[in-house]
């Protein structure tokens, strides 16, 4: 079951830097986004790397794992939404 309040109250950078303190790239995550914002960005086909302020696939995977846990769904659901966004944005008129 989805827990919207947990998604809104769990800030991505705070969670990530506590969970993975040795990962120095975590400091590059944007300060003001929570997991609800991340979900919304996926739902609106935004570039997750740009949205979150990252350029590392391991960080993205870890964020997707936590998002799927919070939202009560399989990782594949989150990943597939991201892939759909990539397909939609890469096949836009500017790319044809």
Protein backbone atom coordinates (compact mmCIF):
# COMPACT_ATOMS: atom_id res chain seq x y z
CA UNK A 1 0.00 0.00 0.00
CA UNK A 2 1.23 3.46 -0.90
CA UNK A 3 2.22 5.83 1.87
CA UNK A 4 1.94 9.37 0.49
CA UNK A 5 2.83 11.02 3.80
CA UNK A 6 6.08 9.05 4.03
CA UNK A 7 6.91 10.00 0.44
CA UNK A 8 6.27 13.68 1.17
CA UNK A 9 8.19 13.65 4.45
CA UNK A 10 11.28 11.75 3.30
CA UNK A 11 13.75 14.05 1.60
CA UNK A 12 15.90 12.30 -0.96
CA UNK A 13 19.25 13.84 -0.05
CA UNK A 14 18.73 13.45 3.70
CA UNK A 15 17.75 9.81 3.32
CA UNK A 16 20.52 9.02 0.84
CA UNK A 17 23.38 10.63 2.75
CA UNK A 18 22.34 8.85 5.96
CA UNK A 19 21.89 5.49 4.25
CA UNK A 20 25.09 5.74 2.14
CA UNK A 21 27.46 8.06 4.06
CA UNK A 22 30.53 6.79 2.20
CA UNK A 23 29.07 7.73 -1.21
CA UNK A 24 30.45 11.22 -1.73
CA UNK A 25 28.31 11.72 -4.85
CA UNK A 26 25.24 11.87 -2.62
CA UNK A 27 26.16 15.46 -1.77
CA UNK A 28 25.20 16.38 -5.34
CA UNK A 29 21.54 15.45 -4.81
CA UNK A 30 19.22 18.44 -4.71
CA UNK A 31 18.30 19.49 -1.19
CA UNK A 32 14.64 20.29 -1.63
CA UNK A 33 13.12 17.18 -3.23
CA UNK A 34 11.28 14.42 -1.45
CA UNK A 35 10.24 11.00 -2.71
CA UNK A 36 6.80 12.28 -3.65
CA UNK A 37 8.49 14.84 -5.91
CA UNK A 38 10.58 12.05 -7.41
CA UNK A 39 7.44 10.01 -8.07
CA UNK A 40 5.77 13.04 -9.64
CA UNK A 41 8.79 13.68 -11.85
CA UNK A 42 8.65 10.09 -13.11
CA UNK A 43 4.92 10.37 -13.64
CA UNK A 44 5.49 13.52 -15.73
CA UNK A 45 8.32 11.98 -17.79
CA UNK A 46 11.04 14.30 -16.48
CA UNK A 47 14.74 13.55 -16.76
CA UNK A 48 15.41 12.00 -13.37
CA UNK A 49 19.14 12.66 -13.50
CA UNK A 50 18.58 16.37 -14.05
CA UNK A 51 15.65 16.51 -11.66
CA UNK A 52 17.58 14.96 -8.77
CA UNK A 53 20.91 16.59 -9.59
CA UNK A 54 22.78 13.35 -10.23
CA UNK A 55 24.65 11.67 -13.04
CA UNK A 56 25.23 8.27 -11.47
CA UNK A 57 23.13 5.19 -12.25
CA UNK A 58 23.89 3.55 -8.90
CA UNK A 59 22.35 6.49 -7.07
CA UNK A 60 19.33 6.37 -9.40
CA UNK A 61 18.88 2.67 -8.70
CA UNK A 62 19.07 3.22 -4.96
CA UNK A 63 16.51 6.03 -5.17
CA UNK A 64 14.20 3.83 -7.25
CA UNK A 65 14.55 1.02 -4.70
CA UNK A 66 13.55 3.33 -1.86
CA UNK A 67 10.74 4.88 -3.91
CA UNK A 68 9.33 1.44 -4.69
CA UNK A 69 9.53 0.54 -1.00
CA UNK A 70 7.70 3.72 0.02
CA UNK A 71 5.09 3.38 -2.72
CA UNK A 72 4.53 -0.31 -1.97
CA UNK A 73 5.28 -1.57 -5.46
CA UNK A 74 7.92 -3.65 -7.18
CA UNK A 75 11.12 -1.96 -8.30
CA UNK A 76 10.20 -2.90 -11.87
CA UNK A 77 7.13 -0.64 -11.75
CA UNK A 78 9.31 2.40 -10.98
CA UNK A 79 11.99 1.33 -13.45
CA UNK A 80 9.45 0.74 -16.23
CA UNK A 81 7.97 4.20 -15.67
CA UNK A 82 11.46 5.67 -16.04
CA UNK A 83 12.06 3.69 -19.22
CA UNK A 84 8.72 4.87 -20.60
CA UNK A 85 9.76 8.46 -19.91
CA UNK A 86 13.08 7.88 -21.66
CA UNK A 87 11.24 6.43 -24.68
CA UNK A 88 8.77 9.31 -24.81
CA UNK A 89 11.38 12.06 -24.48
CA UNK A 90 13.79 10.45 -26.94
CA UNK A 91 11.12 10.06 -29.61
CA UNK A 92 9.85 13.62 -29.48
CA UNK A 93 9.71 15.80 -32.62
CA UNK A 94 13.12 17.33 -31.93
CA UNK A 95 14.67 13.85 -32.11
CA UNK A 96 13.07 12.72 -35.38
